[in-house]
Amino acid sequence: MDFLTSKATNTGFVAGLGSGKSFVATLKTIKMKMENPTETVAYYLPTYGLIRDIAFDKFPTLLSELGIKYKLNKSDKEIHIENFGKIIFRSMDNAETIVGYEVFYSIIDECDILNQDKMTIAYNKIMARNRQKHSEGKLNQIDVVSTPEGFKWFYQRYVKEFNSKTDKLVRASTYDNKHLPAEYISNLEQQYPPNLLKAYLNGEFVNLNSDTVYSYFDRKKHHNVTELLYDDIIHIGQDFNFNGCISTVFVIRYINNIECVFMIDEFSSKDSYGIVETAKRKYPNRTITIYPDASGNANKTNATVTDIQILRQGGLSVYANNKNPRVQDRVNSVNALIYKDRFFIDTNKCIKSTEALEQQAYDLNGVPEKFNGSATIDDYNDSLGYFIYYKYPLLDRTVSTTTFIL
């Protein structure tokens, strides 16, 4: 593996989903630590949640499989390898914390999850920390690994600003991993639109951002007036906002034995009590399931009760993830349903949601625009996105490390 053995000052590794990218990054970090026992190495991730997943799960698993003794210090976010020193883990979402230490080797994972401005600040901080002198005079190295997420920070750094004297770019596709489950690639091909397949299977840089976020949506093509049946279950996507909680309402139908979603209504409420009252008034004597913004577990309408608890106490069946998905993953799930003609909307009743799907664009950092105030177009798209992502998530972006063998 070119990336694993690269001695370049800066090596970028861009790879498709399931290609073993994070596993190879984990393995190279351990390799660098074992080869340089008197020096410190650092592993950087966009969020603390990813540190928890990688540092507290993948690293211990691989170290144990390799028969290497270690101690995990969760509070300091460090792994101490017996007789070989430590690996430190840091989050990049708050670059101000990247201070007060020096390392010989740094590796950055999933750099394009952060917006470009934030990632540039974090990278400059990382370069400043990457200055520990090697006992044998070796040159310091910084490696970066990422799934291609359009023409974002990784592309700017390792393609547009590529320096042949110090840089190396390594590419890998999902097809390179011969140890994936047989259905993994076919599932991706069934779920993703063509531009995402180029990025997430082939590891290519493609334009993921058109002028609008939901570029596959067509109000004429996806318009459908759907009447409620007596036994329909009501599904509600829910976004919480002060004085403007947005609810989008769906039923599920089958077309040619393929499950499709039909958006039949939308409404706005002042608070969570209003959501319950309106939902039960509009859809009496029906099973109502609601898929809220995960932050509703923390938002409090009064001093003791959270928004999600209010929904449950009001008799609604609540389905919520422990945390909200990555914004791009939620967008991709919605776009995949739209592209596959599995999403339909009553444009006459869902006027604001239709406008939101047509109008929301990407900002200068390549993320969906957010607007000030309540009941804005991003709130309507967030609402329907929570339901669709929960019910129809795309294939998990991670694959067990044991499925990739060098």
Protein backbone atom coordinates (compact mmCIF):
# COMPACT_ATOMS: atom_id res chain seq x y z
CA MET A 1 0.00 0.00 0.00
CA ASP A 2 1.57 3.25 -1.19
CA PHE A 3 0.06 5.29 1.59
CA LEU A 4 1.23 2.97 4.33
CA THR A 5 4.85 3.12 3.17
CA SER A 6 4.99 6.74 2.00
CA LYS A 7 7.85 8.83 3.41
CA ALA A 8 6.69 12.06 1.75
CA THR A 9 6.48 15.15 3.93
CA ASN A 10 2.76 15.43 3.10
CA THR A 11 0.78 12.43 1.84
CA GLY A 12 -2.88 12.65 0.92
CA PHE A 13 -4.97 9.48 0.69
CA VAL A 14 -8.35 9.85 -1.01
CA ALA A 15 -10.54 6.77 -1.17
CA GLY A 16 -14.08 5.51 -1.70
CA LEU A 17 -16.39 4.15 0.98
CA GLY A 18 -15.38 0.74 2.27
CA SER A 19 -11.91 0.99 0.76
CA GLY A 20 -10.28 0.54 4.17
CA LYS A 21 -9.21 4.19 4.45
CA SER A 22 -9.67 4.61 8.21
CA PHE A 23 -8.22 1.16 8.89
CA VAL A 24 -5.08 1.99 6.91
CA ALA A 25 -4.85 5.35 8.70
CA THR A 26 -5.10 3.55 12.04
CA LEU A 27 -2.49 1.00 10.98
CA LYS A 28 -0.07 3.66 9.73
CA THR A 29 -0.39 5.62 12.96
CA ILE A 30 0.54 2.50 14.96
CA LYS A 31 3.35 1.75 12.52
CA MET A 32 4.79 5.26 12.90
CA LYS A 33 4.62 5.01 16.68
CA MET A 34 6.40 1.64 16.75
CA GLU A 35 9.10 2.88 14.37
CA ASN A 36 9.63 6.06 16.38
CA PRO A 37 9.30 5.08 20.06
CA THR A 38 10.85 8.26 21.51
CA GLU A 39 8.58 10.58 19.51
CA THR A 40 4.88 11.43 19.86
CA VAL A 41 2.33 10.98 17.07
CA ALA A 42 -1.09 12.62 16.81
CA TYR A 43 -4.37 11.58 15.18
CA TYR A 44 -6.84 14.36 14.33
CA LEU A 45 -10.56 14.04 13.66
CA PRO A 46 -13.32 16.60 13.00
CA THR A 47 -15.34 15.97 16.17
CA TYR A 48 -15.04 14.44 19.60
CA GLY A 49 -17.69 11.89 18.62
CA LEU A 50 -15.39 10.54 15.91
CA ILE A 51 -12.51 10.46 18.38
CA ARG A 52 -14.66 8.28 20.60
CA ASP A 53 -15.42 5.94 17.68
CA ILE A 54 -11.84 5.75 16.36
CA ALA A 55 -9.59 6.17 19.41
CA PHE A 56 -11.73 4.25 21.86
CA ASP A 57 -12.82 1.49 19.48
CA LYS A 58 -10.78 0.93 16.31
CA PHE A 59 -7.36 1.52 17.85
CA PRO A 60 -7.87 -0.82 20.84
CA THR A 61 -9.35 -3.46 18.53
CA LEU A 62 -6.43 -3.36 16.11
CA LEU A 63 -3.78 -3.17 18.84
CA SER A 64 -5.29 -6.23 20.49
CA GLU A 65 -5.38 -8.11 17.18
CA LEU A 66 -1.70 -7.24 16.65
CA GLY A 67 -0.82 -8.45 20.15
CA ILE A 68 0.43 -5.01 21.23
CA LYS A 69 -0.01 -4.03 24.88
CA TYR A 70 -1.52 -0.62 25.52
CA LYS A 71 -3.39 1.54 28.01
CA LEU A 72 -6.25 3.79 26.95
CA ASN A 73 -6.62 7.11 28.75
CA LYS A 74 -10.05 8.39 27.74
CA SER A 75 -9.95 11.56 29.80
CA ASP A 76 -6.73 12.76 28.15
CA LYS A 77 -7.65 11.14 24.80
CA GLU A 78 -4.38 9.22 24.60
CA ILE A 79 -3.23 5.66 24.01
CA HIS A 80 0.02 4.59 25.67
CA ILE A 81 1.75 1.68 23.94
CA GLU A 82 3.95 -0.33 26.27
CA ASN A 83 7.63 0.60 25.73
CA PHE A 84 6.77 2.77 22.71
CA GLY A 85 5.23 5.97 24.07
CA LYS A 86 1.90 7.58 23.26
CA ILE A 87 -0.53 8.44 20.49
CA ILE A 88 -2.64 11.52 21.19
CA PHE A 89 -6.06 12.29 19.69
CA ARG A 90 -7.43 15.77 19.12
CA SER A 91 -10.64 17.22 17.69
CA MET A 92 -10.41 19.90 14.97
CA ASP A 93 -13.80 21.50 15.52
CA ASN A 94 -12.24 23.79 18.14
CA ALA A 95 -8.81 24.67 16.78
CA GLU A 96 -8.00 26.67 19.93
CA THR A 97 -7.43 23.36 21.75
CA ILE A 98 -4.62 22.40 19.36
CA VAL A 99 -1.95 23.98 21.56
CA GLY A 100 0.61 23.13 24.24
CA TYR A 101 2.35 20.07 22.80
CA GLU A 102 4.71 18.93 20.05
CA VAL A 103 4.58 15.83 17.86
CA PHE A 104 6.79 14.24 15.20
CA TYR A 105 4.01 12.78 13.03
CA SER A 106 0.39 13.86 12.47
CA ILE A 107 -2.45 12.22 10.61
CA ILE A 108 -5.77 13.91 9.78
CA ASP A 109 -8.89 11.83 9.08
CA GLU A 110 -12.12 12.99 7.34
CA CYS A 111 -10.85 16.52 6.78
CA ASP A 112 -13.72 17.49 4.48
CA ILE A 113 -16.36 17.10 7.16
CA LEU A 114 -15.30 20.54 8.39
CA ASN A 115 -15.96 23.58 6.23
CA GLN A 116 -12.93 24.85 4.35
CA ASP A 117 -12.27 27.93 6.48
CA LYS A 118 -12.41 25.95 9.70
CA MET A 119 -10.24 23.19 8.27
CA THR A 120 -7.61 25.68 7.09
CA ILE A 121 -7.36 27.15 10.59
CA ALA A 122 -7.08 23.67 12.12
CA TYR A 123 -4.42 22.60 9.58
CA ASN A 124 -2.28 25.65 10.34
CA LYS A 125 -2.50 24.81 14.03
CA ILE A 126 -1.57 21.19 13.32
CA MET A 127 1.47 22.25 11.29
CA ALA A 128 2.59 24.43 14.20
CA ARG A 129 2.40 21.43 16.58
CA ASN A 130 4.19 19.11 14.13
CA ARG A 131 7.69 20.28 15.07
CA GLN A 132 9.09 17.75 17.53
CA LYS A 133 12.73 17.03 16.64
CA HIS A 134 13.44 13.40 15.85
CA SER A 135 16.21 11.74 17.80
CA GLU A 136 17.70 10.39 14.54
CA GLY A 137 17.04 13.49 12.43
CA LYS A 138 14.08 12.16 10.44
CA LEU A 139 11.85 14.73 8.75
CA ASN A 140 8.43 15.45 10.25
CA GLN A 141 5.40 14.19 8.31
CA ILE A 142 1.71 15.11 8.05
CA ASP A 143 -0.71 12.72 6.34
CA VAL A 144 -4.34 13.39 5.41
CA VAL A 145 -7.02 10.82 4.55
CA SER A 146 -10.53 11.53 3.29
CA THR A 147 -13.48 10.38 1.26
CA PRO A 148 -13.87 12.87 -1.63
CA GLU A 149 -16.57 15.38 -0.71
CA GLY A 150 -16.50 17.56 -3.81
CA PHE A 151 -13.95 20.27 -4.46
CA LYS A 152 -13.38 21.12 -0.83
CA TRP A 153 -10.31 21.44 1.41
CA PHE A 154 -8.65 18.14 0.44
CA TYR A 155 -8.95 18.95 -3.26
CA GLN A 156 -7.55 22.45 -2.76
CA ARG A 157 -4.58 21.18 -0.74
CA TYR A 158 -3.62 18.00 -2.64
CA VAL A 159 -4.68 18.84 -6.19
CA LYS A 160 -4.70 22.59 -6.79
CA GLU A 161 -1.84 23.34 -4.38
CA PHE A 162 0.06 20.09 -4.96
CA ASN A 163 3.83 20.40 -4.55
CA SER A 164 5.68 17.57 -6.30
CA LYS A 165 8.77 18.14 -4.13
CA THR A 166 7.05 17.49 -0.81
CA ASP A 167 3.61 16.02 -1.55
CA LYS A 168 2.25 12.64 -2.59
CA LEU A 169 -1.35 11.80 -3.54
CA VAL A 170 -2.61 8.22 -3.22
CA ARG A 171 -6.02 7.14 -4.54
CA ALA A 172 -8.10 4.03 -3.83
CA SER A 173 -11.59 2.93 -4.82
CA THR A 174 -14.10 0.72 -3.09
CA TYR A 175 -13.44 -1.92 -5.78
CA ASP A 176 -9.85 -2.27 -4.51
CA ASN A 177 -11.05 -3.92 -1.30
CA LYS A 178 -11.62 -7.53 -2.31
CA HIS A 179 -12.66 -8.49 1.21
CA LEU A 180 -15.89 -6.50 1.38
CA PRO A 181 -19.19 -8.34 1.78
CA ALA A 182 -20.50 -9.35 -1.64
CA GLU A 183 -23.55 -7.11 -1.43
CA TYR A 184 -21.75 -3.95 -0.22
CA ILE A 185 -20.99 -2.43 -3.63
CA SER A 186 -24.29 -3.47 -5.20
CA ASN A 187 -26.14 -1.84 -2.29
CA LEU A 188 -24.22 1.38 -2.88
CA GLU A 189 -25.00 1.26 -6.58
CA GLN A 190 -28.71 0.84 -5.85
CA GLN A 191 -28.85 3.70 -3.35
CA TYR A 192 -26.63 6.50 -4.65
CA PRO A 193 -27.15 8.90 -7.57
CA PRO A 194 -24.45 8.82 -10.30
CA ASN A 195 -22.38 11.78 -9.07
CA LEU A 196 -22.17 10.31 -5.57
CA LEU A 197 -21.15 6.92 -6.96
CA LYS A 198 -18.16 8.51 -8.67
CA ALA A 199 -17.10 10.06 -5.39
CA TYR A 200 -18.00 7.33 -2.92
CA LEU A 201 -17.08 4.27 -5.03
CA ASN A 202 -14.27 5.47 -7.28
CA GLY A 203 -12.78 8.08 -4.99
CA GLU A 204 -13.12 10.77 -7.66
CA PHE A 205 -13.44 14.50 -7.10
CA VAL A 206 -16.80 15.49 -8.53
CA ASN A 207 -19.10 18.46 -8.05
CA LEU A 208 -21.48 17.37 -5.31
CA ASN A 209 -22.91 20.86 -5.03
CA SER A 210 -25.14 22.12 -7.78
CA ASP A 211 -26.85 25.49 -7.48
CA THR A 212 -29.46 23.92 -5.23
CA VAL A 213 -29.11 21.30 -2.51
CA TYR A 214 -31.91 19.08 -3.82
CA SER A 215 -31.09 19.36 -7.51
CA TYR A 216 -32.98 16.18 -8.47
CA PHE A 217 -36.31 17.57 -7.25
CA ASP A 218 -38.88 18.54 -9.89
CA ARG A 219 -42.22 19.85 -8.62
CA LYS A 220 -44.09 18.49 -11.66
CA LYS A 221 -42.42 15.09 -11.78
CA HIS A 222 -42.68 14.49 -8.03
CA HIS A 223 -46.14 15.96 -7.49
CA ASN A 224 -48.75 13.53 -6.21
CA VAL A 225 -52.09 14.03 -4.45
CA THR A 226 -52.38 11.17 -1.97
CA GLU A 227 -55.59 10.43 -0.08
CA LEU A 228 -55.40 8.92 3.38
CA LEU A 229 -56.51 5.32 3.79
CA TYR A 230 -58.31 4.15 6.92
CA ASP A 231 -55.31 2.21 8.20
CA ASP A 232 -52.52 4.64 7.27
CA ILE A 233 -49.82 5.28 9.84
CA ILE A 234 -48.88 8.96 9.98
CA HIS A 235 -45.15 9.72 9.84
CA ILE A 236 -43.96 13.19 10.87
CA GLY A 237 -40.51 14.69 10.39
CA GLN A 238 -39.89 17.27 13.10
CA ASP A 239 -37.58 20.27 13.38
CA PHE A 240 -37.59 22.26 16.64
CA ASN A 241 -37.37 26.05 16.62
CA PHE A 242 -38.42 28.78 19.02
CA ASN A 243 -41.91 29.89 17.96
CA GLY A 244 -41.64 27.93 14.71
CA CYS A 245 -41.49 24.14 15.06
CA ILE A 246 -41.84 22.66 11.57
CA SER A 247 -43.67 19.37 10.98
CA THR A 248 -43.77 17.55 7.64
CA VAL A 249 -46.27 14.73 7.26
CA PHE A 250 -45.89 11.50 5.26
CA VAL A 251 -47.52 8.21 4.44
CA ILE A 252 -45.83 5.19 2.89
CA ARG A 253 -47.03 3.47 -0.28
CA TYR A 254 -45.62 0.81 -2.59
CA ILE A 255 -45.14 1.31 -6.32
CA ASN A 256 -44.18 -1.88 -8.20
CA ASN A 257 -43.26 -3.44 -4.84
CA ILE A 258 -40.87 -0.56 -4.06
CA GLU A 259 -41.45 1.39 -0.86
CA CYS A 260 -42.03 5.10 -1.51
CA VAL A 261 -42.81 8.09 0.69
CA PHE A 262 -45.61 10.55 -0.01
CA MET A 263 -45.58 13.93 1.71
CA ILE A 264 -49.18 14.93 2.31
CA ASP A 265 -49.05 17.91 4.67
CA GLU A 266 -46.97 20.43 6.59
CA PHE A 267 -47.67 22.59 9.63
CA SER A 268 -45.94 24.93 12.05
CA SER A 269 -46.36 25.05 15.84
CA LYS A 270 -45.28 27.42 18.58
CA ASP A 271 -43.84 24.65 20.76
CA SER A 272 -43.89 20.91 21.42
CA TYR A 273 -47.29 21.03 23.09
CA GLY A 274 -48.61 22.64 19.93
CA ILE A 275 -47.09 19.88 17.79
CA VAL A 276 -48.99 17.23 19.79
CA GLU A 277 -52.26 19.18 19.73
CA THR A 278 -52.13 19.87 15.99
CA ALA A 279 -51.08 16.34 15.03
CA LYS A 280 -53.85 14.72 17.06
CA ARG A 281 -56.45 17.21 15.79
CA LYS A 282 -55.50 16.71 12.14
CA TYR A 283 -55.15 12.92 12.37
CA PRO A 284 -57.53 11.63 15.07
CA ASN A 285 -57.72 7.96 15.94
CA ARG A 286 -54.55 7.16 14.03
CA THR A 287 -51.12 5.88 14.95
CA ILE A 288 -48.79 8.87 14.72
CA THR A 289 -45.03 8.31 14.57
CA ILE A 290 -42.66 11.27 14.75
CA TYR A 291 -38.98 11.54 13.82
CA PRO A 292 -37.54 14.59 15.58
CA ASP A 293 -34.33 16.53 15.57
CA ALA A 294 -32.16 14.67 18.12
CA SER A 295 -31.40 17.97 19.87
CA GLY A 296 -34.95 17.82 21.20
CA ASN A 297 -33.63 15.57 23.94
CA ALA A 298 -31.84 18.61 25.34
CA ASN A 299 -34.20 21.46 24.44
CA LYS A 300 -36.53 22.23 27.32
CA THR A 301 -39.94 23.78 26.91
CA ASN A 302 -40.10 24.15 30.68
CA ALA A 303 -37.65 23.56 33.50
CA THR A 304 -38.05 19.80 33.72
CA VAL A 305 -39.43 18.34 30.48
CA THR A 306 -37.62 18.01 27.15
CA ASP A 307 -39.31 18.44 23.78
CA ILE A 308 -39.06 14.73 22.98
CA GLN A 309 -40.52 13.78 26.36
CA ILE A 310 -43.47 16.09 25.65
CA LEU A 311 -44.09 14.31 22.33
CA ARG A 312 -44.05 10.91 24.08
CA GLN A 313 -46.29 12.09 26.91
CA GLY A 314 -48.70 13.40 24.28
CA GLY A 315 -49.17 9.90 22.90
CA LEU A 316 -46.93 10.10 19.83
CA SER A 317 -44.53 7.28 18.98
CA VAL A 318 -41.08 8.86 18.89
CA TYR A 319 -38.20 7.55 16.78
CA ALA A 320 -35.01 9.54 17.23
CA ASN A 321 -31.31 8.88 16.75
CA ASN A 322 -28.97 9.47 19.69
CA LYS A 323 -27.43 12.29 17.69
CA ASN A 324 -28.22 14.08 14.46
CA PRO A 325 -26.64 12.71 11.29
CA ARG A 326 -23.96 14.55 9.42
CA VAL A 327 -25.73 17.20 7.31
CA GLN A 328 -24.35 15.82 4.03
CA ASP A 329 -25.47 12.29 4.93
CA ARG A 330 -29.00 13.58 5.56
CA VAL A 331 -28.97 15.50 2.26
CA ASN A 332 -27.67 12.47 0.39
CA SER A 333 -30.46 10.28 1.82
CA VAL A 334 -33.12 12.73 0.63
CA ASN A 335 -31.51 13.17 -2.79
CA ALA A 336 -31.22 9.42 -3.25
CA LEU A 337 -34.97 8.93 -2.68
CA ILE A 338 -35.79 11.81 -5.02
CA TYR A 339 -33.42 10.55 -7.74
CA LYS A 340 -34.85 7.03 -7.51
CA ASP A 341 -38.41 8.45 -7.79
CA ARG A 342 -39.32 7.15 -4.35
CA PHE A 343 -40.28 10.58 -2.99
CA PHE A 344 -43.53 12.36 -3.88
CA ILE A 345 -45.18 15.50 -2.51
CA ASP A 346 -48.56 17.17 -2.70
CA THR A 347 -47.28 20.52 -3.93
CA ASN A 348 -50.72 22.10 -3.41
CA LYS A 349 -50.80 21.36 0.32
CA CYS A 350 -47.06 21.41 1.02
CA ILE A 351 -46.35 24.82 -0.47
CA LYS A 352 -43.46 25.87 1.77
CA SER A 353 -41.74 22.48 1.64
CA THR A 354 -41.94 22.51 -2.16
CA GLU A 355 -40.36 25.97 -2.24
CA ALA A 356 -37.70 24.86 0.23
CA LEU A 357 -36.71 21.87 -1.90
CA GLU A 358 -36.46 24.12 -4.93
CA GLN A 359 -34.68 27.06 -3.36
CA GLN A 360 -32.17 25.97 -0.72
CA ALA A 361 -28.63 26.38 -2.09
CA TYR A 362 -25.11 25.69 -0.86
CA ASP A 363 -23.16 28.48 0.82
CA LEU A 364 -19.54 29.44 0.10
CA ASN A 365 -18.31 26.65 2.39
CA GLY A 366 -20.23 24.02 0.45
CA VAL A 367 -22.88 23.37 3.11
CA PRO A 368 -26.65 23.96 2.83
CA GLU A 369 -27.61 27.56 3.56
CA LYS A 370 -29.00 28.39 6.99
CA PHE A 371 -31.26 31.37 7.58
CA ASN A 372 -32.00 33.48 10.63
CA GLY A 373 -35.43 33.32 12.19
CA SER A 374 -38.05 30.62 12.56
CA ALA A 375 -39.88 28.64 9.89
CA THR A 376 -37.30 29.36 7.18
CA ILE A 377 -36.72 27.12 4.16
CA ASP A 378 -33.85 25.26 5.82
CA ASP A 379 -36.18 24.33 8.70
CA TYR A 380 -38.64 22.65 6.30
CA ASN A 381 -35.85 20.68 4.62
CA ASP A 382 -34.36 19.72 7.98
CA SER A 383 -37.77 18.47 9.09
CA LEU A 384 -38.35 16.15 6.14
CA GLY A 385 -34.69 15.12 6.24
CA TYR A 386 -34.91 13.79 9.80
CA PHE A 387 -37.72 11.45 8.80
CA ILE A 388 -36.10 10.27 5.57
CA TYR A 389 -32.65 9.75 7.10
CA TYR A 390 -34.10 7.73 9.98
CA LYS A 391 -36.26 5.53 7.75
CA TYR A 392 -34.03 5.33 4.67
CA PRO A 393 -30.41 5.97 5.63
CA LEU A 394 -27.80 5.29 3.00
CA LEU A 395 -25.28 2.54 3.59
CA ASP A 396 -23.09 3.16 6.62
CA ARG A 397 -19.94 5.09 5.73
CA THR A 398 -17.79 2.72 7.80
CA VAL A 399 -16.88 -0.92 7.37
CA SER A 400 -15.38 -3.17 10.01
CA THR A 401 -11.59 -3.16 9.96
CA THR A 402 -11.54 -6.93 9.85
CA THR A 403 -12.93 -6.87 6.31
CA PHE A 404 -9.80 -5.22 4.91
CA ILE A 405 -6.62 -7.27 4.66
CA LEU A 406 -3.36 -5.84 3.38
